[in-house]
N, C-alpha and C. Protein backbone atom coordinates (compact mmCIF):
# COMPACT_ATOMS: atom_id res chain seq x y z
N UNK A 1 -18.30 5.02 -18.34
CA UNK A 1 -18.10 5.76 -17.12
C UNK A 1 -16.89 6.68 -17.25
N UNK A 2 -16.05 6.50 -18.24
CA UNK A 2 -14.85 7.30 -18.39
C UNK A 2 -15.12 8.78 -18.61
N UNK A 3 -16.31 9.15 -19.06
CA UNK A 3 -16.63 10.55 -19.32
C UNK A 3 -17.46 11.20 -18.23
N UNK A 4 -17.77 10.47 -17.19
CA UNK A 4 -18.58 11.00 -16.10
C UNK A 4 -17.64 11.62 -15.08
N UNK A 5 -17.64 12.95 -15.01
CA UNK A 5 -16.68 13.66 -14.17
C UNK A 5 -16.94 13.54 -12.69
N UNK A 6 -18.18 13.27 -12.28
CA UNK A 6 -18.46 13.19 -10.85
C UNK A 6 -18.62 11.75 -10.37
N UNK A 7 -18.06 10.80 -11.09
CA UNK A 7 -18.13 9.40 -10.66
C UNK A 7 -17.06 9.13 -9.61
N UNK A 8 -17.31 8.13 -8.78
CA UNK A 8 -16.40 7.79 -7.70
C UNK A 8 -15.23 6.95 -8.21
N UNK A 9 -14.04 7.21 -7.68
CA UNK A 9 -12.88 6.38 -7.99
C UNK A 9 -12.89 5.16 -7.09
N UNK A 10 -13.14 5.36 -5.81
CA UNK A 10 -13.16 4.27 -4.84
C UNK A 10 -14.58 4.10 -4.33
N UNK A 11 -15.04 2.88 -4.31
CA UNK A 11 -16.40 2.60 -3.86
C UNK A 11 -16.35 1.74 -2.61
N UNK A 12 -17.43 1.75 -1.84
CA UNK A 12 -17.48 0.88 -0.67
C UNK A 12 -17.67 -0.55 -1.12
N UNK A 13 -17.16 -1.45 -0.33
CA UNK A 13 -17.24 -2.87 -0.68
C UNK A 13 -17.93 -3.63 0.44
N UNK A 14 -18.46 -4.77 0.13
CA UNK A 14 -19.12 -5.59 1.14
C UNK A 14 -20.43 -4.97 1.55
N UNK A 15 -20.69 -4.96 2.85
CA UNK A 15 -21.95 -4.44 3.38
C UNK A 15 -21.82 -3.00 3.87
N UNK A 16 -20.85 -2.27 3.36
CA UNK A 16 -20.58 -0.91 3.83
C UNK A 16 -21.19 0.16 2.96
N UNK A 17 -22.16 -0.16 2.15
CA UNK A 17 -22.73 0.82 1.21
C UNK A 17 -23.29 2.02 1.97
N UNK A 18 -22.84 3.20 1.55
CA UNK A 18 -23.29 4.44 2.18
C UNK A 18 -22.41 4.88 3.32
N UNK A 19 -21.46 4.06 3.74
CA UNK A 19 -20.56 4.42 4.83
C UNK A 19 -19.40 5.26 4.32
N UNK A 20 -18.79 6.01 5.21
CA UNK A 20 -17.61 6.79 4.86
C UNK A 20 -16.45 5.84 4.57
N UNK A 21 -15.61 6.25 3.66
CA UNK A 21 -14.41 5.49 3.35
C UNK A 21 -13.37 5.76 4.43
N UNK A 22 -12.89 4.72 5.08
CA UNK A 22 -11.91 4.88 6.14
C UNK A 22 -10.50 5.00 5.55
N UNK A 23 -9.57 5.42 6.36
CA UNK A 23 -8.18 5.50 5.94
C UNK A 23 -7.65 4.11 5.57
N UNK A 24 -8.02 3.10 6.35
CA UNK A 24 -7.60 1.73 6.03
C UNK A 24 -8.20 1.26 4.71
N UNK A 25 -9.45 1.61 4.47
CA UNK A 25 -10.10 1.24 3.22
C UNK A 25 -9.45 1.91 2.02
N UNK A 26 -9.13 3.18 2.17
CA UNK A 26 -8.46 3.91 1.10
C UNK A 26 -7.07 3.33 0.85
N UNK A 27 -6.36 3.02 1.91
CA UNK A 27 -5.03 2.43 1.79
C UNK A 27 -5.08 1.09 1.08
N UNK A 28 -6.09 0.30 1.38
CA UNK A 28 -6.27 -1.00 0.73
C UNK A 28 -6.54 -0.84 -0.76
N UNK A 29 -7.40 0.10 -1.11
CA UNK A 29 -7.68 0.37 -2.53
C UNK A 29 -6.42 0.81 -3.25
N UNK A 30 -5.69 1.75 -2.64
CA UNK A 30 -4.47 2.26 -3.26
C UNK A 30 -3.45 1.15 -3.46
N UNK A 31 -3.28 0.30 -2.47
CA UNK A 31 -2.34 -0.81 -2.57
C UNK A 31 -2.71 -1.73 -3.73
N UNK A 32 -4.00 -1.99 -3.90
CA UNK A 32 -4.46 -2.84 -5.01
C UNK A 32 -4.10 -2.20 -6.35
N UNK A 33 -4.40 -0.92 -6.48
CA UNK A 33 -4.10 -0.24 -7.74
C UNK A 33 -2.60 -0.23 -8.02
N UNK A 34 -1.80 0.10 -7.00
CA UNK A 34 -0.36 0.24 -7.17
C UNK A 34 0.32 -1.09 -7.48
N UNK A 35 -0.11 -2.17 -6.84
CA UNK A 35 0.59 -3.45 -6.99
C UNK A 35 0.00 -4.37 -8.05
N UNK A 36 -1.27 -4.19 -8.39
CA UNK A 36 -1.91 -5.12 -9.33
C UNK A 36 -2.44 -4.45 -10.59
N UNK A 37 -3.21 -3.39 -10.42
CA UNK A 37 -3.91 -2.79 -11.56
C UNK A 37 -2.97 -2.01 -12.48
N UNK A 38 -2.20 -1.08 -11.92
CA UNK A 38 -1.32 -0.25 -12.75
C UNK A 38 -0.24 -1.05 -13.47
N UNK A 39 0.41 -2.03 -12.81
CA UNK A 39 1.39 -2.82 -13.55
C UNK A 39 0.80 -3.55 -14.76
N UNK A 40 -0.44 -3.99 -14.66
CA UNK A 40 -1.09 -4.64 -15.81
C UNK A 40 -1.32 -3.65 -16.95
N UNK A 41 -1.60 -2.39 -16.61
CA UNK A 41 -1.79 -1.38 -17.65
C UNK A 41 -0.50 -1.13 -18.42
N UNK A 42 0.64 -1.24 -17.74
CA UNK A 42 1.92 -1.02 -18.41
C UNK A 42 2.20 -2.09 -19.46
N UNK A 43 1.61 -3.27 -19.31
CA UNK A 43 1.78 -4.36 -20.27
C UNK A 43 0.71 -4.36 -21.36
N UNK A 44 -0.28 -3.48 -21.24
CA UNK A 44 -1.42 -3.44 -22.16
C UNK A 44 -1.07 -2.61 -23.40
N UNK A 45 -1.14 -3.21 -24.56
CA UNK A 45 -0.80 -2.51 -25.81
C UNK A 45 -1.81 -1.44 -26.21
N UNK A 46 -3.00 -1.46 -25.61
CA UNK A 46 -4.01 -0.46 -25.97
C UNK A 46 -3.86 0.83 -25.16
N UNK A 47 -3.01 0.83 -24.15
CA UNK A 47 -2.79 2.03 -23.33
C UNK A 47 -1.73 2.90 -24.01
N UNK A 48 -2.03 4.17 -24.27
CA UNK A 48 -1.08 5.05 -24.94
C UNK A 48 0.21 5.21 -24.13
N UNK A 49 1.33 5.43 -24.83
CA UNK A 49 2.62 5.57 -24.18
C UNK A 49 2.67 6.74 -23.20
N UNK A 50 1.98 7.83 -23.52
CA UNK A 50 1.97 8.98 -22.60
C UNK A 50 1.28 8.62 -21.28
N UNK A 51 0.25 7.79 -21.33
CA UNK A 51 -0.42 7.34 -20.10
C UNK A 51 0.49 6.40 -19.32
N UNK A 52 1.20 5.53 -20.03
CA UNK A 52 2.14 4.63 -19.35
C UNK A 52 3.24 5.41 -18.65
N UNK A 53 3.73 6.46 -19.29
CA UNK A 53 4.78 7.29 -18.69
C UNK A 53 4.26 7.93 -17.41
N UNK A 54 3.02 8.39 -17.40
CA UNK A 54 2.44 9.00 -16.21
C UNK A 54 2.28 7.98 -15.10
N UNK A 55 1.85 6.78 -15.44
CA UNK A 55 1.68 5.71 -14.45
C UNK A 55 3.02 5.37 -13.81
N UNK A 56 4.08 5.35 -14.60
CA UNK A 56 5.40 4.99 -14.08
C UNK A 56 5.91 5.98 -13.05
N UNK A 57 5.59 7.27 -13.20
CA UNK A 57 6.12 8.25 -12.26
C UNK A 57 5.27 8.38 -11.00
N UNK A 58 4.10 7.82 -11.01
CA UNK A 58 3.23 7.92 -9.82
C UNK A 58 3.46 6.80 -8.91
């Protein structure tokens, strides 16, 4: 999926398939990425240093 340019970053969860993404839903996704997903990438040896540097400033 990494090469598919029109793929979704955030998807609906639960029984909300096809519904618009709400501000609360987007905020929840962002919080997950910021607090759990991105910090794990910083510890991953397979992630290039230039990508880690970008993650740190965001």
